[in-house]
Amino acid sequence: MTGEMSSTEPLPTSHDESRDLPVPELLRRARPLPPPGDMVIGDLTEEEGAAFLAALEA
């Protein structure tokens, strides 16, 4: 093995472990965001939407 981490290795189990990884390794392990359409919560009522936004702003 060349010392490189395999993409099949488990992600760090604690915050301390992830702080020990170099930035390039952290970026390699990052997952892309889903398409914007998949991130929309479409079935919220107006009241639920307002409560959600209020929680984000808190």
N, C-alpha and C. Protein backbone atom coordinates (compact mmCIF):
# COMPACT_ATOMS: atom_id res chain seq x y z
N MET A 1 0.85 -1.18 0.00
CA MET A 1 0.00 0.00 0.00
C MET A 1 0.89 1.23 0.00
N THR A 2 0.44 2.31 -0.61
CA THR A 2 1.26 3.50 -0.78
C THR A 2 1.09 4.51 0.35
N GLY A 3 0.31 4.21 1.35
CA GLY A 3 0.09 5.14 2.44
C GLY A 3 -1.13 6.03 2.24
N GLU A 4 -1.74 5.96 1.06
CA GLU A 4 -2.94 6.74 0.82
C GLU A 4 -4.13 6.03 1.45
N MET A 5 -5.09 6.82 1.89
CA MET A 5 -6.28 6.23 2.50
C MET A 5 -7.24 5.80 1.41
N SER A 6 -7.86 4.68 1.61
CA SER A 6 -8.83 4.18 0.65
C SER A 6 -10.17 4.86 0.89
N SER A 7 -10.95 5.05 -0.17
CA SER A 7 -12.26 5.67 -0.01
C SER A 7 -13.24 4.75 0.71
N THR A 8 -12.85 3.50 0.91
CA THR A 8 -13.72 2.58 1.62
C THR A 8 -13.45 2.57 3.12
N GLU A 9 -12.44 3.30 3.56
CA GLU A 9 -12.17 3.36 4.99
C GLU A 9 -13.27 4.15 5.68
N PRO A 10 -13.61 3.77 6.91
CA PRO A 10 -14.68 4.50 7.61
C PRO A 10 -14.25 5.93 7.91
N LEU A 11 -15.23 6.80 8.00
CA LEU A 11 -14.96 8.18 8.35
C LEU A 11 -14.54 8.25 9.82
N PRO A 12 -13.86 9.32 10.22
CA PRO A 12 -13.45 9.44 11.62
C PRO A 12 -14.66 9.32 12.54
N THR A 13 -14.44 8.73 13.70
CA THR A 13 -15.55 8.52 14.62
C THR A 13 -15.66 9.62 15.66
N SER A 14 -14.66 10.49 15.74
CA SER A 14 -14.75 11.58 16.70
C SER A 14 -14.24 12.86 16.07
N HIS A 15 -14.58 13.97 16.69
CA HIS A 15 -14.11 15.26 16.18
C HIS A 15 -12.60 15.36 16.29
N ASP A 16 -12.01 14.75 17.30
CA ASP A 16 -10.56 14.80 17.46
C ASP A 16 -9.87 14.13 16.28
N GLU A 17 -10.41 13.00 15.83
CA GLU A 17 -9.81 12.30 14.69
C GLU A 17 -9.87 13.15 13.43
N SER A 18 -11.00 13.82 13.19
CA SER A 18 -11.12 14.59 11.96
C SER A 18 -10.20 15.80 11.99
N ARG A 19 -9.87 16.33 13.16
CA ARG A 19 -8.93 17.45 13.24
C ARG A 19 -7.51 17.01 12.91
N ASP A 20 -7.25 15.74 13.03
CA ASP A 20 -5.92 15.22 12.75
C ASP A 20 -5.69 14.98 11.27
N LEU A 21 -6.74 14.99 10.47
CA LEU A 21 -6.61 14.72 9.04
C LEU A 21 -6.21 15.99 8.29
N PRO A 22 -5.36 15.87 7.29
CA PRO A 22 -5.01 17.04 6.49
C PRO A 22 -6.20 17.49 5.64
N VAL A 23 -6.21 18.77 5.30
CA VAL A 23 -7.31 19.35 4.52
C VAL A 23 -7.57 18.58 3.23
N PRO A 24 -6.54 18.21 2.45
CA PRO A 24 -6.84 17.46 1.22
C PRO A 24 -7.61 16.16 1.49
N GLU A 25 -7.31 15.49 2.59
CA GLU A 25 -8.03 14.25 2.91
C GLU A 25 -9.46 14.56 3.31
N LEU A 26 -9.67 15.62 4.06
CA LEU A 26 -11.03 16.00 4.43
C LEU A 26 -11.85 16.35 3.20
N LEU A 27 -11.24 17.07 2.25
CA LEU A 27 -11.94 17.41 1.02
C LEU A 27 -12.23 16.18 0.17
N ARG A 28 -11.31 15.22 0.17
CA ARG A 28 -11.52 14.00 -0.60
C ARG A 28 -12.70 13.20 -0.04
N ARG A 29 -12.86 13.23 1.27
CA ARG A 29 -13.94 12.48 1.91
C ARG A 29 -15.29 13.19 1.86
N ALA A 30 -15.30 14.47 1.52
CA ALA A 30 -16.55 15.24 1.50
C ALA A 30 -17.49 14.69 0.44
N ARG A 31 -18.74 14.80 0.70
CA ARG A 31 -19.74 14.33 -0.25
C ARG A 31 -20.40 15.54 -0.92
N PRO A 32 -20.70 15.45 -2.20
CA PRO A 32 -21.35 16.58 -2.88
C PRO A 32 -22.78 16.77 -2.39
N LEU A 33 -23.25 18.00 -2.49
CA LEU A 33 -24.64 18.28 -2.14
C LEU A 33 -25.56 17.68 -3.19
N PRO A 34 -26.78 17.32 -2.79
CA PRO A 34 -27.74 16.84 -3.78
C PRO A 34 -28.18 18.01 -4.67
N PRO A 35 -28.81 17.74 -5.80
CA PRO A 35 -29.31 18.82 -6.65
C PRO A 35 -30.26 19.71 -5.86
N PRO A 36 -30.31 21.01 -6.17
CA PRO A 36 -31.17 21.94 -5.43
C PRO A 36 -32.62 21.48 -5.32
N GLY A 37 -33.14 20.89 -6.38
CA GLY A 37 -34.52 20.42 -6.35
C GLY A 37 -34.77 19.34 -5.32
N ASP A 38 -33.74 18.57 -5.00
CA ASP A 38 -33.88 17.51 -4.00
C ASP A 38 -33.80 18.06 -2.58
N MET A 39 -33.35 19.29 -2.43
CA MET A 39 -33.20 19.87 -1.09
C MET A 39 -34.40 20.71 -0.68
N VAL A 40 -35.39 20.83 -1.56
CA VAL A 40 -36.58 21.62 -1.27
C VAL A 40 -37.55 20.78 -0.45
N ILE A 41 -38.07 21.39 0.61
CA ILE A 41 -39.11 20.73 1.41
C ILE A 41 -40.43 21.25 0.87
N GLY A 42 -41.07 20.45 0.04
CA GLY A 42 -42.23 20.91 -0.68
C GLY A 42 -43.56 20.78 0.01
N ASP A 43 -43.66 19.98 1.05
CA ASP A 43 -44.98 19.73 1.63
C ASP A 43 -45.17 20.42 2.99
N LEU A 44 -44.46 21.53 3.22
CA LEU A 44 -44.64 22.28 4.45
C LEU A 44 -45.81 23.24 4.32
N THR A 45 -46.54 23.40 5.41
CA THR A 45 -47.56 24.44 5.43
C THR A 45 -46.84 25.77 5.61
N GLU A 46 -47.55 26.85 5.40
CA GLU A 46 -46.95 28.18 5.56
C GLU A 46 -46.46 28.36 7.00
N GLU A 47 -47.23 27.86 7.95
CA GLU A 47 -46.85 27.96 9.37
C GLU A 47 -45.59 27.14 9.67
N GLU A 48 -45.52 25.94 9.12
CA GLU A 48 -44.32 25.10 9.31
C GLU A 48 -43.10 25.74 8.67
N GLY A 49 -43.27 26.32 7.49
CA GLY A 49 -42.17 27.00 6.82
C GLY A 49 -41.66 28.18 7.62
N ALA A 50 -42.56 28.96 8.19
CA ALA A 50 -42.16 30.10 9.02
C ALA A 50 -41.42 29.63 10.26
N ALA A 51 -41.90 28.55 10.88
CA ALA A 51 -41.23 28.01 12.06
C ALA A 51 -39.84 27.49 11.71
N PHE A 52 -39.72 26.87 10.55
CA PHE A 52 -38.42 26.36 10.10
C PHE A 52 -37.43 27.51 9.89
N LEU A 53 -37.87 28.56 9.18
CA LEU A 53 -36.99 29.71 8.96
C LEU A 53 -36.64 30.40 10.26
N ALA A 54 -37.58 30.49 11.19
CA ALA A 54 -37.30 31.12 12.49
C ALA A 54 -36.25 30.31 13.24
N ALA A 55 -36.30 28.99 13.15
CA ALA A 55 -35.32 28.15 13.82
C ALA A 55 -33.94 28.34 13.20
N LEU A 56 -33.87 28.51 11.89
CA LEU A 56 -32.59 28.74 11.22
C LEU A 56 -31.99 30.08 11.62
N GLU A 57 -32.83 31.08 11.81
CA GLU A 57 -32.37 32.42 12.15
C GLU A 57 -32.04 32.57 13.63
N ALA A 58 -32.47 31.65 14.46
CA ALA A 58 -32.24 31.74 15.92
C ALA A 58 -30.80 31.49 16.28
